[in-house]
Each structure stands twice: as structure tokens, then as C-alpha cells.
All heavy atoms as atom14 arrays in JSON, in Angstrom:
{
  "sequence": "GYTVWGQEPVDDFREGRWMDTYHLIWFRPSSVNFMFPGGVPEKYLA",
  "atom14_mask": [
    [1, 1, 1, 1, 0, 0, 0, 0, 0, 0, 0, 0, 0, 0],
    [1, 1, 1, 1, 1, 1, 1, 1, 1, 1, 1, 1, 0, 0],
    [1, 1, 1, 1, 1, 1, 1, 0, 0, 0, 0, 0, 0, 0],
    [1, 1, 1, 1, 1, 1, 1, 0, 0, 0, 0, 0, 0, 0],
    [1, 1, 1, 1, 1, 1, 1, 1, 1, 1, 1, 1, 1, 1],
    [1, 1, 1, 1, 0, 0, 0, 0, 0, 0, 0, 0, 0, 0],
    [1, 1, 1, 1, 1, 1, 1, 1, 1, 0, 0, 0, 0, 0],
    [1, 1, 1, 1, 1, 1, 1, 1, 1, 0, 0, 0, 0, 0],
    [1, 1, 1, 1, 1, 1, 1, 0, 0, 0, 0, 0, 0, 0],
    [1, 1, 1, 1, 1, 1, 1, 0, 0, 0, 0, 0, 0, 0],
    [1, 1, 1, 1, 1, 1, 1, 1, 0, 0, 0, 0, 0, 0],
    [1, 1, 1, 1, 1, 1, 1, 1, 0, 0, 0, 0, 0, 0],
    [1, 1, 1, 1, 1, 1, 1, 1, 1, 1, 1, 0, 0, 0],
    [1, 1, 1, 1, 1, 1, 1, 1, 1, 1, 1, 0, 0, 0],
    [1, 1, 1, 1, 1, 1, 1, 1, 1, 0, 0, 0, 0, 0],
    [1, 1, 1, 1, 0, 0, 0, 0, 0, 0, 0, 0, 0, 0],
    [1, 1, 1, 1, 1, 1, 1, 1, 1, 1, 1, 0, 0, 0],
    [1, 1, 1, 1, 1, 1, 1, 1, 1, 1, 1, 1, 1, 1],
    [1, 1, 1, 1, 1, 1, 1, 1, 0, 0, 0, 0, 0, 0],
    [1, 1, 1, 1, 1, 1, 1, 1, 0, 0, 0, 0, 0, 0],
    [1, 1, 1, 1, 1, 1, 1, 0, 0, 0, 0, 0, 0, 0],
    [1, 1, 1, 1, 1, 1, 1, 1, 1, 1, 1, 1, 0, 0],
    [1, 1, 1, 1, 1, 1, 1, 1, 1, 1, 0, 0, 0, 0],
    [1, 1, 1, 1, 1, 1, 1, 1, 0, 0, 0, 0, 0, 0],
    [1, 1, 1, 1, 1, 1, 1, 1, 0, 0, 0, 0, 0, 0],
    [1, 1, 1, 1, 1, 1, 1, 1, 1, 1, 1, 1, 1, 1],
    [1, 1, 1, 1, 1, 1, 1, 1, 1, 1, 1, 0, 0, 0],
    [1, 1, 1, 1, 1, 1, 1, 1, 1, 1, 1, 0, 0, 0],
    [1, 1, 1, 1, 1, 1, 1, 0, 0, 0, 0, 0, 0, 0],
    [1, 1, 1, 1, 1, 1, 0, 0, 0, 0, 0, 0, 0, 0],
    [1, 1, 1, 1, 1, 1, 0, 0, 0, 0, 0, 0, 0, 0],
    [1, 1, 1, 1, 1, 1, 1, 0, 0, 0, 0, 0, 0, 0],
    [1, 1, 1, 1, 1, 1, 1, 1, 0, 0, 0, 0, 0, 0],
    [1, 1, 1, 1, 1, 1, 1, 1, 1, 1, 1, 0, 0, 0],
    [1, 1, 1, 1, 1, 1, 1, 1, 0, 0, 0, 0, 0, 0],
    [1, 1, 1, 1, 1, 1, 1, 1, 1, 1, 1, 0, 0, 0],
    [1, 1, 1, 1, 1, 1, 1, 0, 0, 0, 0, 0, 0, 0],
    [1, 1, 1, 1, 0, 0, 0, 0, 0, 0, 0, 0, 0, 0],
    [1, 1, 1, 1, 0, 0, 0, 0, 0, 0, 0, 0, 0, 0],
    [1, 1, 1, 1, 1, 1, 1, 0, 0, 0, 0, 0, 0, 0],
    [1, 1, 1, 1, 1, 1, 1, 0, 0, 0, 0, 0, 0, 0],
    [1, 1, 1, 1, 1, 1, 1, 1, 1, 0, 0, 0, 0, 0],
    [1, 1, 1, 1, 1, 1, 1, 1, 1, 0, 0, 0, 0, 0],
    [1, 1, 1, 1, 1, 1, 1, 1, 1, 1, 1, 1, 0, 0],
    [1, 1, 1, 1, 1, 1, 1, 1, 0, 0, 0, 0, 0, 0],
    [1, 1, 1, 1, 1, 0, 0, 0, 0, 0, 0, 0, 0, 0]
  ],
  "atom14_positions": [
    [[130.27, 103.3, 111.4], [129.18, 102.65, 110.69], [127.77, 102.92, 111.15], [126.81, 102.39, 110.58], [0.0, 0.0, 0.0], [0.0, 0.0, 0.0], [0.0, 0.0, 0.0], [0.0, 0.0, 0.0], [0.0, 0.0, 0.0], [0.0, 0.0, 0.0], [0.0, 0.0, 0.0], [0.0, 0.0, 0.0], [0.0, 0.0, 0.0], [0.0, 0.0, 0.0]],
    [[127.59, 103.73, 112.18], [126.22, 104.08, 112.6], [125.54, 104.96, 111.55], [126.21, 105.74, 110.86], [126.24, 104.84, 113.92], [126.52, 104.02, 115.16], [127.8, 103.56, 115.45], [125.51, 103.74, 116.08], [128.07, 102.83, 116.6], [125.77, 103.02, 117.24], [127.06, 102.57, 117.49], [127.32, 101.86, 118.64], [0.0, 0.0, 0.0], [0.0, 0.0, 0.0]],
    [[124.22, 104.84, 111.46], [123.41, 105.64, 110.54], [122.28, 106.3, 111.32], [121.6, 105.64, 112.11], [122.8, 104.76, 109.43], [123.85, 104.17, 108.67], [121.92, 105.58, 108.51], [0.0, 0.0, 0.0], [0.0, 0.0, 0.0], [0.0, 0.0, 0.0], [0.0, 0.0, 0.0], [0.0, 0.0, 0.0], [0.0, 0.0, 0.0], [0.0, 0.0, 0.0]],
    [[122.07, 107.58, 111.08], [120.91, 108.26, 111.66], [119.65, 107.76, 110.95], [119.54, 107.83, 109.73], [121.03, 109.79, 111.49], [119.73, 110.48, 111.94], [122.22, 110.33, 112.27], [0.0, 0.0, 0.0], [0.0, 0.0, 0.0], [0.0, 0.0, 0.0], [0.0, 0.0, 0.0], [0.0, 0.0, 0.0], [0.0, 0.0, 0.0], [0.0, 0.0, 0.0]],
    [[118.71, 107.24, 111.74], [117.46, 106.76, 111.13], [116.25, 107.61, 111.51], [115.18, 107.49, 110.88], [117.19, 105.31, 111.52], [116.98, 105.05, 112.98], [117.91, 104.62, 113.87], [115.76, 105.18, 113.72], [117.36, 104.49, 115.13], [116.03, 104.82, 115.05], [114.46, 105.57, 113.38], [115.06, 104.84, 116.06], [113.49, 105.58, 114.37], [113.79, 105.23, 115.68]],
    [[116.4, 108.49, 112.5], [115.26, 109.31, 112.88], [115.67, 110.47, 113.77], [116.77, 110.5, 114.32], [0.0, 0.0, 0.0], [0.0, 0.0, 0.0], [0.0, 0.0, 0.0], [0.0, 0.0, 0.0], [0.0, 0.0, 0.0], [0.0, 0.0, 0.0], [0.0, 0.0, 0.0], [0.0, 0.0, 0.0], [0.0, 0.0, 0.0], [0.0, 0.0, 0.0]],
    [[114.78, 111.44, 113.86], [115.01, 112.61, 114.71], [113.8, 112.82, 115.61], [112.67, 112.93, 115.13], [115.25, 113.85, 113.85], [115.5, 115.12, 114.66], [115.91, 116.3, 113.79], [116.45, 116.12, 112.69], [115.66, 117.51, 114.25], [0.0, 0.0, 0.0], [0.0, 0.0, 0.0], [0.0, 0.0, 0.0], [0.0, 0.0, 0.0], [0.0, 0.0, 0.0]],
    [[114.06, 112.86, 116.91], [112.99, 113.05, 117.9], [112.96, 114.51, 118.34], [113.95, 115.02, 118.87], [113.24, 112.14, 119.1], [112.13, 112.16, 120.12], [112.33, 111.12, 121.2], [113.29, 110.33, 121.11], [111.52, 111.11, 122.14], [0.0, 0.0, 0.0], [0.0, 0.0, 0.0], [0.0, 0.0, 0.0], [0.0, 0.0, 0.0], [0.0, 0.0, 0.0]],
    [[111.85, 115.2, 118.14], [111.79, 116.62, 118.5], [111.6, 116.83, 120.01], [111.1, 115.94, 120.72], [110.57, 117.12, 117.73], [109.68, 115.92, 117.64], [110.6, 114.73, 117.51], [0.0, 0.0, 0.0], [0.0, 0.0, 0.0], [0.0, 0.0, 0.0], [0.0, 0.0, 0.0], [0.0, 0.0, 0.0], [0.0, 0.0, 0.0], [0.0, 0.0, 0.0]],
    [[112.04, 117.99, 120.45], [111.89, 118.46, 121.85], [112.06, 117.32, 122.85], [111.21, 117.09, 123.72], [110.54, 119.2, 122.05], [110.52, 120.47, 121.23], [109.34, 118.35, 121.66], [0.0, 0.0, 0.0], [0.0, 0.0, 0.0], [0.0, 0.0, 0.0], [0.0, 0.0, 0.0], [0.0, 0.0, 0.0], [0.0, 0.0, 0.0], [0.0, 0.0, 0.0]],
    [[113.19, 116.63, 122.76], [113.43, 115.44, 123.58], [114.08, 115.78, 124.91], [113.98, 115.01, 125.86], [114.32, 114.47, 122.8], [114.59, 113.18, 123.56], [113.61, 112.62, 124.09], [115.75, 112.76, 123.63], [0.0, 0.0, 0.0], [0.0, 0.0, 0.0], [0.0, 0.0, 0.0], [0.0, 0.0, 0.0], [0.0, 0.0, 0.0], [0.0, 0.0, 0.0]],
    [[114.76, 116.91, 125.01], [115.41, 117.28, 126.25], [115.46, 118.8, 126.37], [115.34, 119.52, 125.38], [116.83, 116.71, 126.32], [117.3, 116.46, 127.74], [116.58, 116.87, 128.68], [118.37, 115.86, 127.92], [0.0, 0.0, 0.0], [0.0, 0.0, 0.0], [0.0, 0.0, 0.0], [0.0, 0.0, 0.0], [0.0, 0.0, 0.0], [0.0, 0.0, 0.0]],
    [[115.64, 119.27, 127.6], [115.58, 120.71, 127.87], [116.85, 121.13, 128.59], [117.17, 120.64, 129.67], [114.36, 121.03, 128.75], [114.02, 122.49, 128.83], [113.4, 123.14, 127.78], [114.33, 123.22, 129.97], [113.06, 124.48, 127.87], [114.01, 124.56, 130.07], [113.37, 125.19, 129.02], [0.0, 0.0, 0.0], [0.0, 0.0, 0.0], [0.0, 0.0, 0.0]],
    [[117.63, 122.03, 127.96], [118.87, 122.53, 128.52], [119.01, 124.02, 128.18], [118.61, 124.44, 127.1], [120.09, 121.78, 127.95], [120.2, 120.31, 128.35], [120.6, 120.14, 129.81], [120.97, 118.76, 130.12], [120.11, 117.8, 130.39], [118.81, 118.07, 130.39], [120.52, 116.58, 130.69], [0.0, 0.0, 0.0], [0.0, 0.0, 0.0], [0.0, 0.0, 0.0]],
    [[119.61, 124.75, 129.07], [119.92, 126.17, 128.84], [118.69, 126.97, 128.4], [118.77, 127.86, 127.57], [121.03, 126.31, 127.8], [122.35, 125.69, 128.24], [123.46, 125.85, 127.22], [123.16, 125.9, 126.0], [124.63, 125.94, 127.63], [0.0, 0.0, 0.0], [0.0, 0.0, 0.0], [0.0, 0.0, 0.0], [0.0, 0.0, 0.0], [0.0, 0.0, 0.0]],
    [[117.53, 126.6, 128.96], [116.3, 127.33, 128.66], [115.71, 127.06, 127.29], [114.85, 127.82, 126.82], [0.0, 0.0, 0.0], [0.0, 0.0, 0.0], [0.0, 0.0, 0.0], [0.0, 0.0, 0.0], [0.0, 0.0, 0.0], [0.0, 0.0, 0.0], [0.0, 0.0, 0.0], [0.0, 0.0, 0.0], [0.0, 0.0, 0.0], [0.0, 0.0, 0.0]],
    [[116.12, 125.97, 126.65], [115.6, 125.68, 125.31], [115.49, 124.17, 125.13], [116.14, 123.39, 125.82], [116.53, 126.26, 124.23], [117.96, 125.78, 124.36], [118.92, 126.6, 123.51], [120.29, 126.24, 123.79], [120.95, 125.24, 123.22], [120.34, 124.49, 122.33], [122.21, 124.99, 123.54], [0.0, 0.0, 0.0], [0.0, 0.0, 0.0], [0.0, 0.0, 0.0]],
    [[114.65, 123.78, 124.16], [114.47, 122.38, 123.85], [115.53, 121.9, 122.87], [115.98, 122.66, 122.01], [113.08, 122.14, 123.25], [111.98, 122.27, 124.25], [111.15, 123.33, 124.43], [111.59, 121.29, 125.22], [110.25, 123.1, 125.45], [110.51, 121.84, 125.95], [112.04, 120.02, 125.55], [109.89, 121.15, 126.98], [111.43, 119.33, 126.58], [110.36, 119.89, 127.27]],
    [[115.9, 120.64, 123.0], [116.85, 120.01, 122.08], [116.21, 118.8, 121.42], [115.47, 118.05, 122.06], [118.11, 119.55, 122.82], [118.98, 120.67, 123.36], [120.49, 119.97, 124.1], [121.31, 121.47, 124.62], [0.0, 0.0, 0.0], [0.0, 0.0, 0.0], [0.0, 0.0, 0.0], [0.0, 0.0, 0.0], [0.0, 0.0, 0.0], [0.0, 0.0, 0.0]],
    [[116.51, 118.63, 120.13], [116.1, 117.43, 119.41], [117.18, 116.36, 119.55], [118.34, 116.66, 119.87], [115.89, 117.73, 117.93], [114.69, 118.63, 117.69], [114.02, 119.02, 118.67], [114.42, 118.96, 116.51], [0.0, 0.0, 0.0], [0.0, 0.0, 0.0], [0.0, 0.0, 0.0], [0.0, 0.0, 0.0], [0.0, 0.0, 0.0], [0.0, 0.0, 0.0]],
    [[116.79, 115.12, 119.29], [117.72, 114.0, 119.42], [117.71, 113.16, 118.15], [116.65, 112.83, 117.62], [117.32, 113.11, 120.62], [117.45, 113.86, 121.82], [118.18, 111.86, 120.7], [0.0, 0.0, 0.0], [0.0, 0.0, 0.0], [0.0, 0.0, 0.0], [0.0, 0.0, 0.0], [0.0, 0.0, 0.0], [0.0, 0.0, 0.0], [0.0, 0.0, 0.0]],
    [[118.92, 112.82, 117.67], [119.07, 111.85, 116.58], [119.1, 110.44, 117.17], [119.74, 110.19, 118.2], [120.37, 112.06, 115.83], [120.38, 113.19, 114.84], [121.48, 114.04, 114.74], [119.33, 113.38, 113.94], [121.52, 115.07, 113.83], [119.35, 114.42, 113.02], [120.47, 115.26, 112.96], [120.5, 116.28, 112.05], [0.0, 0.0, 0.0], [0.0, 0.0, 0.0]],
    [[118.45, 109.51, 116.49], [118.55, 108.1, 116.82], [119.34, 107.4, 115.71], [119.09, 107.61, 114.52], [117.16, 107.49, 116.97], [116.41, 108.02, 118.14], [116.55, 107.51, 119.41], [115.51, 109.04, 118.24], [115.78, 108.18, 120.25], [115.14, 109.13, 119.56], [0.0, 0.0, 0.0], [0.0, 0.0, 0.0], [0.0, 0.0, 0.0], [0.0, 0.0, 0.0]],
    [[120.32, 106.6, 116.13], [121.22, 105.95, 115.18], [121.2, 104.43, 115.38], [120.88, 103.94, 116.47], [122.67, 106.44, 115.35], [122.93, 107.94, 115.18], [122.84, 108.67, 116.52], [124.3, 108.19, 114.55], [0.0, 0.0, 0.0], [0.0, 0.0, 0.0], [0.0, 0.0, 0.0], [0.0, 0.0, 0.0], [0.0, 0.0, 0.0], [0.0, 0.0, 0.0]],
    [[121.58, 103.71, 114.33], [121.66, 102.26, 114.4], [122.89, 101.79, 113.64], [123.27, 102.37, 112.61], [120.38, 101.6, 113.86], [120.38, 100.09, 114.17], [120.19, 101.87, 112.38], [119.03, 99.42, 113.97], [0.0, 0.0, 0.0], [0.0, 0.0, 0.0], [0.0, 0.0, 0.0], [0.0, 0.0, 0.0], [0.0, 0.0, 0.0], [0.0, 0.0, 0.0]],
    [[123.52, 100.74, 114.17], [124.67, 100.08, 113.53], [124.26, 98.65, 113.2], [123.71, 97.95, 114.05], [125.85, 100.08, 114.5], [127.14, 99.52, 113.97], [128.16, 100.2, 113.39], [127.55, 98.13, 113.99], [129.18, 99.34, 113.04], [128.83, 98.07, 113.41], [126.96, 96.96, 114.45], [129.54, 96.87, 113.27], [127.65, 95.76, 114.31], [128.91, 95.73, 113.72]],
    [[124.53, 98.24, 111.96], [124.23, 96.87, 111.53], [125.52, 96.09, 111.31], [126.45, 96.59, 110.68], [123.45, 96.88, 110.2], [122.08, 97.45, 110.29], [121.81, 98.73, 109.83], [121.03, 96.71, 110.82], [120.54, 99.26, 109.89], [119.75, 97.23, 110.89], [119.5, 98.52, 110.42], [0.0, 0.0, 0.0], [0.0, 0.0, 0.0], [0.0, 0.0, 0.0]],
    [[125.56, 94.86, 111.8], [126.7, 94.0, 111.5], [126.59, 93.57, 110.04], [125.59, 92.96, 109.63], [126.71, 92.78, 112.41], [128.03, 92.02, 112.35], [128.13, 90.99, 113.45], [127.34, 89.81, 113.15], [127.15, 88.81, 114.01], [127.64, 88.89, 115.23], [126.45, 87.75, 113.68], [0.0, 0.0, 0.0], [0.0, 0.0, 0.0], [0.0, 0.0, 0.0]],
    [[127.59, 93.9, 109.24], [127.47, 93.68, 107.79], [127.15, 92.24, 107.4], [126.38, 92.01, 106.45], [128.85, 94.11, 107.26], [129.32, 95.12, 108.25], [128.83, 94.63, 109.58], [0.0, 0.0, 0.0], [0.0, 0.0, 0.0], [0.0, 0.0, 0.0], [0.0, 0.0, 0.0], [0.0, 0.0, 0.0], [0.0, 0.0, 0.0], [0.0, 0.0, 0.0]],
    [[127.7, 91.27, 108.1], [127.48, 89.87, 107.74], [126.06, 89.39, 108.03], [125.69, 88.29, 107.61], [128.48, 88.97, 108.47], [128.32, 89.08, 109.88], [0.0, 0.0, 0.0], [0.0, 0.0, 0.0], [0.0, 0.0, 0.0], [0.0, 0.0, 0.0], [0.0, 0.0, 0.0], [0.0, 0.0, 0.0], [0.0, 0.0, 0.0], [0.0, 0.0, 0.0]],
    [[125.27, 90.2, 108.72], [123.92, 89.78, 109.12], [122.81, 90.5, 108.38], [121.63, 90.19, 108.6], [123.74, 89.99, 110.63], [124.71, 89.27, 111.35], [0.0, 0.0, 0.0], [0.0, 0.0, 0.0], [0.0, 0.0, 0.0], [0.0, 0.0, 0.0], [0.0, 0.0, 0.0], [0.0, 0.0, 0.0], [0.0, 0.0, 0.0], [0.0, 0.0, 0.0]],
    [[123.15, 91.47, 107.53], [122.09, 92.33, 106.98], [121.16, 91.57, 106.04], [119.96, 91.88, 105.96], [122.68, 93.58, 106.28], [123.33, 94.49, 107.3], [123.66, 93.19, 105.18], [0.0, 0.0, 0.0], [0.0, 0.0, 0.0], [0.0, 0.0, 0.0], [0.0, 0.0, 0.0], [0.0, 0.0, 0.0], [0.0, 0.0, 0.0], [0.0, 0.0, 0.0]],
    [[121.65, 90.59, 105.3], [120.77, 89.85, 104.4], [119.75, 89.03, 105.18], [118.62, 88.84, 104.73], [121.58, 88.95, 103.48], [122.4, 89.73, 102.47], [122.02, 90.84, 102.09], [123.52, 89.17, 102.04], [0.0, 0.0, 0.0], [0.0, 0.0, 0.0], [0.0, 0.0, 0.0], [0.0, 0.0, 0.0], [0.0, 0.0, 0.0], [0.0, 0.0, 0.0]],
    [[120.15, 88.56, 106.35], [119.23, 87.85, 107.23], [118.17, 88.8, 107.79], [116.99, 88.45, 107.87], [120.03, 87.2, 108.36], [119.2, 86.74, 109.53], [118.36, 85.64, 109.43], [119.23, 87.42, 110.74], [117.6, 85.22, 110.51], [118.48, 87.01, 111.81], [117.66, 85.9, 111.7], [0.0, 0.0, 0.0], [0.0, 0.0, 0.0], [0.0, 0.0, 0.0]],
    [[118.59, 90.02, 108.14], [117.66, 90.98, 108.74], [116.77, 91.63, 107.69], [115.65, 92.04, 107.99], [118.44, 92.04, 109.51], [119.08, 91.52, 110.78], [119.9, 92.8, 111.76], [121.41, 92.98, 110.82], [0.0, 0.0, 0.0], [0.0, 0.0, 0.0], [0.0, 0.0, 0.0], [0.0, 0.0, 0.0], [0.0, 0.0, 0.0], [0.0, 0.0, 0.0]],
    [[117.26, 91.76, 106.46], [116.49, 92.39, 105.39], [116.37, 91.43, 104.21], [117.02, 91.61, 103.17], [117.18, 93.68, 104.93], [117.25, 94.76, 105.98], [118.45, 95.03, 106.62], [116.12, 95.52, 106.3], [118.53, 96.03, 107.57], [116.2, 96.52, 107.25], [117.4, 96.78, 107.89], [0.0, 0.0, 0.0], [0.0, 0.0, 0.0], [0.0, 0.0, 0.0]],
    [[115.56, 90.37, 104.31], [115.46, 89.39, 103.22], [114.92, 89.98, 101.92], [115.18, 89.44, 100.84], [114.5, 88.33, 103.78], [113.74, 89.03, 104.87], [114.69, 90.02, 105.45], [0.0, 0.0, 0.0], [0.0, 0.0, 0.0], [0.0, 0.0, 0.0], [0.0, 0.0, 0.0], [0.0, 0.0, 0.0], [0.0, 0.0, 0.0], [0.0, 0.0, 0.0]],
    [[114.23, 91.1, 102.04], [113.7, 91.74, 100.84], [114.65, 92.78, 100.24], [114.31, 93.45, 99.26], [0.0, 0.0, 0.0], [0.0, 0.0, 0.0], [0.0, 0.0, 0.0], [0.0, 0.0, 0.0], [0.0, 0.0, 0.0], [0.0, 0.0, 0.0], [0.0, 0.0, 0.0], [0.0, 0.0, 0.0], [0.0, 0.0, 0.0], [0.0, 0.0, 0.0]],
    [[115.85, 92.89, 100.83], [116.81, 93.88, 100.34], [117.05, 94.97, 101.37], [116.11, 95.44, 102.02], [0.0, 0.0, 0.0], [0.0, 0.0, 0.0], [0.0, 0.0, 0.0], [0.0, 0.0, 0.0], [0.0, 0.0, 0.0], [0.0, 0.0, 0.0], [0.0, 0.0, 0.0], [0.0, 0.0, 0.0], [0.0, 0.0, 0.0], [0.0, 0.0, 0.0]],
    [[118.3, 95.38, 101.51], [118.66, 96.41, 102.48], [118.18, 97.77, 102.0], [118.46, 98.16, 100.86], [120.19, 96.45, 102.7], [120.55, 97.53, 103.71], [120.7, 95.09, 103.16], [0.0, 0.0, 0.0], [0.0, 0.0, 0.0], [0.0, 0.0, 0.0], [0.0, 0.0, 0.0], [0.0, 0.0, 0.0], [0.0, 0.0, 0.0], [0.0, 0.0, 0.0]],
    [[117.43, 98.54, 102.83], [117.02, 99.89, 102.44], [118.23, 100.75, 102.08], [119.27, 100.69, 102.73], [116.3, 100.41, 103.69], [115.82, 99.18, 104.39], [116.89, 98.15, 104.14], [0.0, 0.0, 0.0], [0.0, 0.0, 0.0], [0.0, 0.0, 0.0], [0.0, 0.0, 0.0], [0.0, 0.0, 0.0], [0.0, 0.0, 0.0], [0.0, 0.0, 0.0]],
    [[118.06, 101.55, 101.06], [119.18, 102.33, 100.53], [119.8, 103.25, 101.58], [121.02, 103.47, 101.59], [118.71, 103.16, 99.32], [119.84, 103.92, 98.64], [119.37, 104.66, 97.4], [118.18, 104.5, 97.02], [120.18, 105.38, 96.79], [0.0, 0.0, 0.0], [0.0, 0.0, 0.0], [0.0, 0.0, 0.0], [0.0, 0.0, 0.0], [0.0, 0.0, 0.0]],
    [[118.98, 103.77, 102.49], [119.51, 104.74, 103.45], [120.52, 104.13, 104.41], [121.26, 104.86, 105.08], [118.37, 105.38, 104.24], [117.61, 104.44, 105.17], [116.52, 105.21, 105.92], [115.73, 104.31, 106.86], [114.69, 105.09, 107.6], [0.0, 0.0, 0.0], [0.0, 0.0, 0.0], [0.0, 0.0, 0.0], [0.0, 0.0, 0.0], [0.0, 0.0, 0.0]],
    [[120.57, 102.79, 104.49], [121.51, 102.14, 105.4], [122.78, 101.65, 104.7], [123.73, 101.24, 105.38], [120.84, 100.96, 106.09], [119.67, 101.32, 106.96], [118.44, 100.7, 106.79], [119.78, 102.3, 107.94], [117.35, 101.03, 107.59], [118.7, 102.65, 108.74], [117.49, 102.01, 108.55], [116.41, 102.34, 109.35], [0.0, 0.0, 0.0], [0.0, 0.0, 0.0]],
    [[122.82, 101.68, 103.38], [123.91, 101.05, 102.65], [125.26, 101.68, 102.96], [126.26, 100.97, 103.17], [123.63, 101.11, 101.14], [122.47, 100.23, 100.65], [122.23, 100.47, 99.17], [122.75, 98.76, 100.92], [0.0, 0.0, 0.0], [0.0, 0.0, 0.0], [0.0, 0.0, 0.0], [0.0, 0.0, 0.0], [0.0, 0.0, 0.0], [0.0, 0.0, 0.0]],
    [[125.33, 103.0, 102.98], [126.61, 103.66, 103.23], [127.12, 103.35, 104.63], [128.32, 103.11, 104.83], [126.48, 105.17, 103.03], [0.0, 0.0, 0.0], [0.0, 0.0, 0.0], [0.0, 0.0, 0.0], [0.0, 0.0, 0.0], [0.0, 0.0, 0.0], [0.0, 0.0, 0.0], [0.0, 0.0, 0.0], [0.0, 0.0, 0.0], [0.0, 0.0, 0.0]]
  ]
}
């Protein structure tokens, strides 16, 4: 149930090159209406 919400560029350096990092978030389904009173953003629905 985690969703990628952002990508951080040049976050780490390995093997002589920079690596980007994905940031992910998991929402407890029973709490989303409380956290998003205006409606859950579409990118998190799946």
C-alpha cells in the first residue's frame, strides 16, 4: 500500500555516481477521510 509521492535528486553517492531517492507514504485506510477532509488526492487512491 505504499505510494511514491516524490523523488529527491542526487541524494546519495555510490560506485562513482549519484543516486536519486523515492519517498513513499502509507496511509491507514480507515483514517484517510480524517486526514483529507477535502477529499483524498487521486494519486493516493490506488
